[in-house]
Protein backbone atom coordinates (compact mmCIF):
# COMPACT_ATOMS: atom_id res chain seq x y z
CA MET A 1 0.19 6.64 45.36
CA GLU A 2 3.68 7.01 43.91
CA ILE A 3 4.41 9.43 41.09
CA LYS A 4 7.83 9.18 39.50
CA LYS A 5 9.37 12.17 37.79
CA ILE A 6 12.03 10.72 35.56
CA ASN A 7 15.15 12.35 34.23
CA THR A 8 15.62 10.12 31.19
CA GLU A 9 19.12 11.45 30.56
CA LYS A 10 20.27 9.80 33.81
CA LEU A 11 17.89 6.85 33.79
CA LEU A 12 19.02 5.43 30.48
CA ASP A 13 22.68 5.67 31.49
CA LEU A 14 22.37 4.11 34.95
CA ASN A 15 20.39 0.97 34.14
CA LYS A 16 22.44 -2.19 34.53
CA HIS A 17 20.68 -3.42 31.43
CA PRO A 18 20.30 -0.09 29.60
CA ARG A 19 17.10 0.63 27.78
CA PRO A 20 17.52 2.01 24.24
CA HIS A 21 18.63 5.64 24.21
CA ASN A 22 16.88 6.55 20.97
CA PHE A 23 14.62 5.26 18.23
CA GLU A 24 17.55 3.86 16.27
CA GLU A 25 18.50 1.58 19.17
CA PHE A 26 14.89 0.44 19.66
CA ILE A 27 14.43 -2.66 17.51
CA GLY A 28 11.20 -3.04 15.54
CA GLN A 29 7.94 -1.06 15.32
CA GLU A 30 9.33 0.97 12.41
CA HIS A 31 6.07 2.68 11.44
CA ILE A 32 5.41 3.79 15.03
CA LYS A 33 8.92 5.22 15.36
CA TRP A 34 8.64 7.05 12.03
CA VAL A 35 5.35 8.74 12.99
CA LEU A 36 6.65 9.63 16.47
CA LYS A 37 9.77 11.25 15.03
CA THR A 38 7.52 13.41 12.87
CA ALA A 39 5.37 14.38 15.87
CA ILE A 40 8.45 15.34 17.92
CA GLN A 41 9.93 17.40 15.08
CA SER A 42 6.62 19.20 14.60
CA ALA A 43 6.35 20.05 18.31
CA GLN A 44 9.88 21.42 18.34
CA LYS A 45 9.34 23.57 15.26
CA ARG A 46 6.01 24.83 16.62
CA GLU A 47 7.65 25.39 20.01
CA SER A 48 4.70 23.65 21.61
CA HIS A 49 3.63 20.37 23.17
CA MET A 50 3.15 17.06 21.37
CA TRP A 51 -0.39 15.76 20.96
CA HIS A 52 -1.60 12.87 23.08
CA ILE A 53 -0.53 9.28 22.37
CA LEU A 54 -2.18 5.91 23.06
CA PHE A 55 -0.15 2.68 23.02
CA SER A 56 -1.88 -0.70 23.07
CA TRP A 57 -0.81 -4.36 22.91
CA PRO A 58 0.13 -7.02 25.49
CA SER A 59 2.89 -6.32 27.99
CA GLY A 60 6.50 -6.81 27.04
CA PHE A 61 6.62 -4.82 23.80
CA GLY A 62 8.42 -1.74 25.14
CA LYS A 63 5.62 0.79 25.55
CA THR A 64 7.28 2.27 28.64
CA THR A 65 10.66 2.32 26.89
CA ILE A 66 9.27 4.21 23.89
CA ALA A 67 7.59 6.73 26.22
CA GLN A 68 10.96 7.40 27.82
CA ILE A 69 12.62 7.72 24.40
CA ILE A 70 9.97 10.27 23.37
CA SER A 71 10.79 12.28 26.49
CA LYS A 72 14.50 12.13 25.80
CA GLN A 73 14.19 13.01 22.11
CA ALA A 74 11.75 15.86 22.84
CA HIS A 75 13.95 17.16 25.70
CA THR A 76 11.07 17.13 28.18
CA TRP A 77 10.42 15.67 31.61
CA ILE A 78 8.21 12.63 31.98
CA LYS A 79 6.09 11.80 35.01
CA ALA A 80 5.00 8.17 35.29
CA VAL A 81 2.13 6.61 37.25
CA THR A 82 0.09 3.43 36.92
CA GLY A 83 -3.67 3.50 36.43
CA TYR A 84 -4.45 1.40 39.50
CA ALA A 85 -2.61 3.93 41.70
CA ILE A 86 -5.13 6.67 40.89
CA SER A 87 -8.30 6.00 42.85
CA LYS A 88 -9.88 9.46 43.25
CA PRO A 89 -10.49 12.43 40.93
CA ALA A 90 -8.59 14.63 43.40
CA GLU A 91 -5.47 12.55 42.78
CA ILE A 92 -5.48 13.06 39.01
CA VAL A 93 -6.20 16.76 39.57
CA SER A 94 -3.14 16.96 41.82
CA ILE A 95 -1.00 15.24 39.19
CA LEU A 96 -2.23 17.53 36.41
CA ASN A 97 -1.58 20.62 38.54
CA SER A 98 1.99 19.47 39.14
CA LEU A 99 2.86 19.29 35.44
CA GLU A 100 5.20 21.89 34.06
CA LYS A 101 4.98 23.33 30.55
CA TRP A 102 5.18 20.60 27.87
CA ASP A 103 5.77 17.80 30.39
CA ILE A 104 4.81 14.27 29.44
CA LEU A 105 2.41 12.39 31.72
CA PHE A 106 2.75 8.64 31.20
CA ILE A 107 -0.06 6.50 32.64
CA ASP A 108 0.40 2.75 32.35
CA GLU A 109 -2.44 0.22 32.62
CA ILE A 110 -4.95 3.00 31.99
CA HIS A 111 -7.83 0.57 31.49
CA ARG A 112 -7.89 0.44 35.30
CA LEU A 113 -8.92 4.09 35.59
CA LYS A 114 -12.42 4.68 36.90
CA PRO A 115 -14.93 6.52 34.66
CA ASN A 116 -15.09 9.57 36.96
CA ILE A 117 -11.31 9.94 36.67
CA GLU A 118 -11.49 9.66 32.88
CA GLU A 119 -14.01 12.50 32.88
CA VAL A 120 -11.53 14.81 34.60
CA LEU A 121 -9.07 14.08 31.81
CA TYR A 122 -11.44 14.90 28.94
CA ILE A 123 -11.30 18.67 29.26
CA ALA A 124 -7.71 18.65 30.55
CA MET A 125 -6.56 16.92 27.37
CA GLU A 126 -8.47 19.19 25.01
CA ASP A 127 -8.40 22.63 26.65
CA PHE A 128 -5.72 22.28 29.36
CA VAL A 129 -8.06 23.28 32.14
CA ILE A 130 -9.56 21.50 35.16
CA ASP A 131 -13.13 21.97 36.34
CA MET A 132 -13.28 22.12 40.13
CA VAL A 133 -16.55 21.81 42.05
CA MET A 134 -16.45 24.10 45.09
CA PRO A 135 -18.20 23.43 48.45
CA GLU A 136 -20.92 25.93 47.47
CA TRP A 137 -21.66 23.73 44.42
CA TRP A 138 -20.35 26.12 41.79
CA ASN A 139 -17.57 25.36 39.33
CA VAL A 140 -14.18 26.97 38.98
CA ARG A 141 -12.17 26.40 35.82
CA ILE A 142 -8.44 26.28 36.57
CA PRO A 143 -5.90 26.47 33.73
CA ILE A 144 -3.00 23.99 33.70
CA ASN A 145 0.21 23.86 31.70
CA PRO A 146 0.02 22.35 28.20
CA PHE A 147 1.20 18.75 28.41
CA THR A 148 1.35 15.49 26.47
CA LEU A 149 -0.54 12.49 27.79
CA ILE A 150 0.86 9.07 26.87
CA TRP A 151 -1.39 6.19 27.82
CA ALA A 152 -0.42 2.53 27.66
CA THR A 153 -2.85 -0.35 27.92
CA THR A 154 -2.91 -4.09 27.44
CA LYS A 155 -6.71 -4.00 27.09
CA SER A 156 -7.69 -1.33 24.60
CA GLU A 157 -11.14 -2.90 24.26
CA SER A 158 -11.82 -1.80 27.86
CA LEU A 159 -11.41 1.89 27.04
CA SER A 160 -14.44 4.08 26.43
CA GLN A 161 -14.84 5.57 22.96
CA PRO A 162 -14.87 9.18 24.25
CA ILE A 163 -11.41 8.78 25.72
CA LYS A 164 -10.05 6.96 22.66
CA ASN A 165 -11.24 9.80 20.43
CA ARG A 166 -9.14 12.30 22.35
CA PHE A 167 -5.86 10.69 21.29
CA ILE A 168 -4.42 12.03 18.05
CA TYR A 169 -1.92 9.16 17.86
CA ASN A 170 -3.19 5.63 18.49
CA PHE A 171 -0.57 2.92 18.04
CA HIS A 172 -0.99 -0.84 18.13
CA PHE A 173 2.32 -2.66 18.64
CA MET A 174 2.96 -5.55 16.24
CA ASP A 175 4.63 -8.95 16.72
CA TYR A 176 8.32 -9.11 15.90
CA SER A 177 9.46 -10.71 12.65
CA PRO A 178 11.95 -13.63 12.66
CA GLU A 179 14.72 -11.25 11.58
CA GLU A 180 13.90 -8.74 14.34
CA LYS A 181 13.93 -11.60 16.86
CA ARG A 182 17.42 -12.60 15.70
CA VAL A 183 18.65 -8.99 15.94
CA LEU A 184 17.34 -8.74 19.51
CA ILE A 185 18.89 -12.05 20.55
CA LYS A 186 22.24 -11.00 19.08
CA LYS A 187 22.02 -7.64 20.88
CA TYR A 188 21.25 -9.18 24.28
CA LEU A 189 23.80 -11.99 24.06
CA THR A 190 26.46 -9.47 23.06
CA GLU A 191 25.54 -7.23 26.01
CA TYR A 192 25.95 -10.23 28.32
CA LYS A 193 29.38 -10.95 26.81
CA ILE A 194 28.39 -14.36 25.46
CA LYS A 195 30.29 -15.51 22.38
CA PHE A 196 28.31 -17.32 19.69
CA ASN A 197 28.11 -18.09 15.98
CA ASP A 198 25.44 -16.22 14.02
CA ASN A 199 24.06 -19.48 12.64
CA ILE A 200 22.87 -20.39 16.13
CA LEU A 201 20.58 -17.33 16.35
CA SER A 202 17.81 -18.87 14.25
CA GLN A 203 17.85 -22.00 16.40
CA ILE A 204 17.38 -19.91 19.54
CA SER A 205 14.81 -17.68 17.86
CA SER A 206 12.56 -20.65 17.07
CA LYS A 207 12.25 -21.40 20.80
CA VAL A 208 10.84 -18.07 21.94
CA ASP A 209 7.69 -16.01 21.41
CA ALA A 210 7.93 -12.88 19.25
CA VAL A 211 7.78 -10.56 22.27
CA PRO A 212 10.85 -8.47 23.22
CA ARG A 213 10.55 -9.12 26.96
CA GLU A 214 10.27 -12.87 26.39
CA ILE A 215 13.32 -12.73 24.12
CA HIS A 216 15.26 -10.82 26.76
CA ASN A 217 14.17 -13.25 29.47
CA MET A 218 15.42 -16.20 27.41
CA CYS A 219 18.79 -14.52 26.88
CA ILE A 220 19.12 -14.01 30.65
CA LYS A 221 18.40 -17.72 31.14
CA ILE A 222 21.03 -18.60 28.53
CA ARG A 223 23.56 -16.35 30.27
CA ASP A 224 22.87 -17.94 33.66
CA PHE A 225 23.02 -21.44 32.17
CA ILE A 226 26.40 -20.80 30.54
CA ILE A 227 27.91 -19.08 33.58
CA SER A 228 26.79 -21.93 35.85
CA ARG A 229 28.84 -24.26 33.68
CA ASN A 230 31.92 -22.03 33.67
CA GLU A 231 31.58 -21.45 29.93
CA LYS A 232 31.71 -18.31 27.81
CA ASN A 233 30.84 -19.62 24.36
CA LEU A 234 27.38 -20.67 23.26
CA ASP A 235 27.96 -23.56 20.87
CA GLU A 236 25.59 -26.13 19.40
CA ASN A 237 26.13 -28.56 22.25
CA LEU A 238 25.41 -26.00 24.98
CA ARG A 239 22.42 -24.74 23.05
CA ASN A 240 20.91 -28.24 22.98
CA GLN A 241 21.66 -28.72 26.67
CA PHE A 242 19.95 -25.43 27.48
CA ILE A 243 16.81 -26.37 25.53
CA LEU A 244 16.59 -29.72 27.34
CA HIS A 245 17.29 -28.03 30.68
CA SER A 246 14.62 -25.34 30.14
CA LYS A 247 12.06 -27.69 28.55
CA ILE A 248 11.17 -25.13 25.89
CA ASP A 249 9.59 -26.27 22.62
CA ASP A 250 9.26 -24.49 19.28
CA GLY A 251 7.40 -21.20 19.48
CA GLY A 252 8.23 -20.83 23.17
CA LEU A 253 5.87 -23.53 24.44
CA THR A 254 6.51 -24.38 28.09
CA PRO A 255 5.52 -27.54 30.01
CA LEU A 256 2.34 -25.72 31.10
CA HIS A 257 1.35 -25.11 27.48
CA ASN A 258 2.06 -28.72 26.59
CA LYS A 259 0.01 -29.95 29.55
CA TYR A 260 -2.89 -27.82 28.32
CA LEU A 261 -2.63 -29.39 24.86
CA GLU A 262 -2.38 -32.86 26.39
CA ILE A 263 -5.65 -32.30 28.25
CA LEU A 264 -7.43 -31.46 25.00
CA ARG A 265 -5.75 -34.29 23.14
CA LYS A 266 -6.80 -36.92 25.66
CA ALA A 267 -10.35 -35.60 25.85
CA ASP A 268 -10.69 -35.60 22.04
CA ARG A 269 -13.64 -33.20 22.34
CA PRO A 270 -14.30 -29.55 23.26
CA ILE A 271 -13.44 -28.85 26.90
CA TRP A 272 -14.86 -26.20 29.21
CA VAL A 273 -12.15 -23.74 30.25
CA LYS A 274 -13.00 -24.25 33.93
CA ALA A 275 -12.26 -27.97 33.57
CA ILE A 276 -8.89 -27.19 31.99
CA ALA A 277 -8.05 -24.78 34.81
CA VAL A 278 -8.84 -27.43 37.43
CA GLN A 279 -6.55 -29.97 35.74
CA LEU A 280 -3.74 -27.40 35.43
CA TRP A 281 -4.15 -26.38 39.09
CA ILE A 282 -4.49 -22.70 38.18
CA ASN A 283 -7.50 -20.37 38.00
CA GLU A 284 -9.45 -19.58 34.84
CA LYS A 285 -8.06 -16.06 34.57
CA ALA A 286 -4.50 -17.40 34.54
CA VAL A 287 -5.46 -19.89 31.82
CA GLU A 288 -6.96 -17.14 29.66
CA GLU A 289 -4.25 -14.53 30.23
CA ASP A 290 -1.05 -16.55 30.72
CA VAL A 291 -1.48 -19.80 28.79
CA GLU A 292 -3.93 -19.41 25.94
CA PRO A 293 -2.59 -16.28 24.15
CA LEU A 294 0.51 -18.09 22.87
CA LEU A 295 -1.50 -21.20 21.92
CA LEU A 296 -3.93 -19.05 19.95
CA LYS A 297 -1.10 -17.16 18.28
CA LEU A 298 0.53 -20.44 17.22
CA GLY A 299 -2.79 -21.79 15.96
CA LYS A 300 -2.84 -24.69 18.39
CA ILE A 301 -6.37 -24.14 19.73
CA GLU A 302 -9.68 -22.49 18.99
CA LYS A 303 -11.84 -20.95 21.68
CA THR A 304 -15.41 -19.82 22.25
CA ALA A 305 -16.79 -18.04 25.30
CA TRP A 306 -16.75 -21.34 27.22
CA TRP A 307 -15.19 -24.16 25.21
CA ARG A 308 -11.70 -24.91 23.94
CA ILE A 309 -10.95 -27.05 20.88
CA LEU A 310 -7.67 -28.60 19.74
CA VAL A 311 -6.79 -27.63 16.16
């Protein structure tokens, strides 16, 4: 198991593609940033720790980045670990014992934590103590330093209600608006030293999902496409060439998405998801997690527990 203790002052300066340094540089999620600023200011005035925070929404929205910004703005250390890396209660006990006063513990993919590990966290989060069962079968209560737990999950429905109730702040990240998408595209293209006209931003924006990581990935592809052609300016002609080259349709639909829609269109009836997976040559889980979310978001399909219908 790897636990990373991060000095955000250095981390944010050394990244080749720097993460935002502060809330002002982080595009979008305005309500979340406003509430977090208030929580940080309160902790500083109280000279105490922040209360625990839960982030939920699919990957790619910057949950890890915001956790690092919180650490930087609050002038605290942050220790990061993924949920799947913690397999035994003794491991979470060791992590909690290692925390210094007002540290932030960031656990990503926390829906992978086992129930017996969650139980160790209950009392640690509320009372900052750990209950240890000794060989003689009696308990010892060990105090730990006050800390802030930040949990991130892509499957909030998998969390138990007792653990959800222990988070004072529970944030659900929202899709990015067309204007926020354009701001992000402009930011990334500028960072990659690509020259462009602002009127081309909307045309690029229409070809990508409203997820920051997807937007960033597209800008990297644009950069590589332009460099490969010994160009520096993204004009209308190069933009059209890139779209044809990448085979990306409106909304960010890829050839795999279009193949999925073609299967439903040809069948002209509800199709079992397993049958779709077979025709796409991928497993059902990949269909449900990698292909269908965007189609549902764009209103292209409807789904039941078993069947898929073309809208």
